[in-house]
């Protein structure tokens, strides 16, 4: 099954499938870092971030303004690339923030403090 989420996108705390992990890797490490949930080693901080955010928490922030359409596992790679770029690079669905470029740091700080609401 090509849509099993076995990859993590840090620092956003989201789990993604192998195809989407490749798309995230192509964005560059200045946007996100991709880790296998089974093959890579994890620090305690990385595990804490994943446990506190996960897809639900990540989407509460990154899709606070719900997109009109989301790709499905059956969507084309091009559609997935477009959506991921809008969501993670342009941050098109994030509510107004003083500095959206500081979102990754804000998520990490909120995770460490156990206060995701601080980012919302």
Protein backbone atom coordinates (compact mmCIF):
# COMPACT_ATOMS: atom_id res chain seq x y z
CA UNK A 1 0.00 0.00 0.00
CA UNK A 2 1.57 3.26 -1.11
CA UNK A 3 -0.21 5.46 1.41
CA UNK A 4 0.95 3.89 4.68
CA UNK A 5 2.44 6.70 6.79
CA UNK A 6 5.89 5.37 7.70
CA UNK A 7 7.80 8.65 7.44
CA UNK A 8 7.86 11.70 9.72
CA UNK A 9 8.17 15.32 8.67
CA UNK A 10 10.05 17.37 11.24
CA UNK A 11 9.67 19.86 12.81
CA UNK A 12 5.98 19.73 11.87
CA UNK A 13 5.29 16.41 13.58
CA UNK A 14 3.35 14.94 10.65
CA UNK A 15 3.39 11.35 9.43
CA UNK A 16 3.38 10.85 5.66
CA UNK A 17 3.61 8.08 3.06
CA UNK A 18 6.81 7.29 1.18
CA UNK A 19 5.74 9.28 -1.91
CA UNK A 20 5.02 12.40 0.14
CA UNK A 21 8.28 11.90 2.06
CA UNK A 22 10.12 12.17 -1.27
CA UNK A 23 8.28 15.38 -2.08
CA UNK A 24 9.22 16.79 1.34
CA UNK A 25 12.87 15.81 0.80
CA UNK A 26 12.87 17.76 -2.46
CA UNK A 27 11.80 20.93 -0.60
CA UNK A 28 15.13 21.02 1.23
CA UNK A 29 16.10 20.72 4.87
CA UNK A 30 15.47 24.42 5.42
CA UNK A 31 11.74 23.60 5.04
CA UNK A 32 11.47 20.14 6.58
CA UNK A 33 13.48 17.11 7.53
CA UNK A 34 12.21 13.61 6.79
CA UNK A 35 12.85 10.64 9.05
CA UNK A 36 11.79 7.01 8.78
CA UNK A 37 9.78 5.92 11.79
CA UNK A 38 11.50 2.52 11.67
CA UNK A 39 14.92 2.98 10.03
CA UNK A 40 16.28 6.23 11.49
CA UNK A 41 17.44 6.97 15.01
CA UNK A 42 15.38 9.41 17.04
CA UNK A 43 16.27 11.83 19.83
CA UNK A 44 13.98 12.20 22.83
CA UNK A 45 13.04 15.69 21.60
CA UNK A 46 12.05 14.39 18.17
CA UNK A 47 9.89 11.66 19.70
CA UNK A 48 8.30 14.20 22.06
CA UNK A 49 7.47 16.50 19.15
CA UNK A 50 5.80 13.66 17.25
CA UNK A 51 3.86 12.52 20.30
CA UNK A 52 2.60 16.01 21.10
CA UNK A 53 1.83 17.19 17.58
CA UNK A 54 1.17 14.34 15.19
CA UNK A 55 -0.94 14.92 12.11
CA UNK A 56 -3.85 16.33 14.09
CA UNK A 57 -1.75 18.98 15.82
CA UNK A 58 0.22 19.80 12.69
CA UNK A 59 -2.99 20.26 10.69
CA UNK A 60 -4.55 22.43 13.40
CA UNK A 61 -1.75 24.89 12.67
CA UNK A 62 -0.85 24.28 9.01
CA UNK A 63 -4.48 23.96 7.88
CA UNK A 64 -6.10 26.40 10.30
CA UNK A 65 -7.70 27.94 7.21
CA UNK A 66 -9.00 24.72 5.66
CA UNK A 67 -7.95 24.12 2.06
CA UNK A 68 -10.77 23.73 -0.44
CA UNK A 69 -9.25 20.45 -1.65
CA UNK A 70 -6.74 18.00 -0.23
CA UNK A 71 -4.99 15.35 -2.29
CA UNK A 72 -5.94 11.73 -1.71
CA UNK A 73 -3.69 8.66 -1.98
CA UNK A 74 -4.99 8.31 -5.55
CA UNK A 75 -4.07 11.91 -6.51
CA UNK A 76 -1.28 12.50 -8.97
CA UNK A 77 2.20 13.26 -7.74
CA UNK A 78 1.90 16.73 -9.29
CA UNK A 79 -1.25 17.44 -7.25
CA UNK A 80 0.50 16.27 -4.07
CA UNK A 81 3.56 18.42 -4.87
CA UNK A 82 1.38 21.48 -5.37
CA UNK A 83 -0.51 20.93 -2.11
CA UNK A 84 2.64 20.26 -0.08
CA UNK A 85 4.28 23.38 -1.47
CA UNK A 86 1.22 25.49 -0.59
CA UNK A 87 1.00 23.96 2.88
CA UNK A 88 4.63 23.78 4.01
CA UNK A 89 6.50 26.37 1.92
CA UNK A 90 3.98 29.14 1.30
CA UNK A 91 1.98 28.34 4.47
CA UNK A 92 -1.16 29.34 2.59
CA UNK A 93 -3.52 27.73 5.14
CA UNK A 94 -1.88 29.13 8.31
CA UNK A 95 -3.73 31.85 10.20
CA UNK A 96 -2.06 35.24 10.21
CA UNK A 97 1.10 35.10 12.26
CA UNK A 98 3.60 37.81 13.08
CA UNK A 99 6.27 35.77 11.31
CA UNK A 100 5.15 32.64 9.44
CA UNK A 101 8.77 31.85 8.62
CA UNK A 102 9.29 31.24 12.35
CA UNK A 103 6.56 28.57 12.44
CA UNK A 104 8.92 25.58 12.76
CA UNK A 105 10.63 27.14 15.77
CA UNK A 106 7.28 28.09 17.30
CA UNK A 107 6.03 24.50 16.94
CA UNK A 108 9.17 23.13 18.61
CA UNK A 109 8.90 25.61 21.48
CA UNK A 110 5.19 24.91 21.94
CA UNK A 111 5.88 21.18 21.94
CA UNK A 112 8.63 21.52 24.55
CA UNK A 113 6.30 23.63 26.71
CA UNK A 114 3.35 21.30 26.11
CA UNK A 115 1.34 24.25 24.82
CA UNK A 116 0.28 23.81 21.18
CA UNK A 117 -2.45 26.39 21.75
CA UNK A 118 0.30 29.03 21.89
CA UNK A 119 0.83 28.57 18.15
CA UNK A 120 -2.84 28.46 17.17
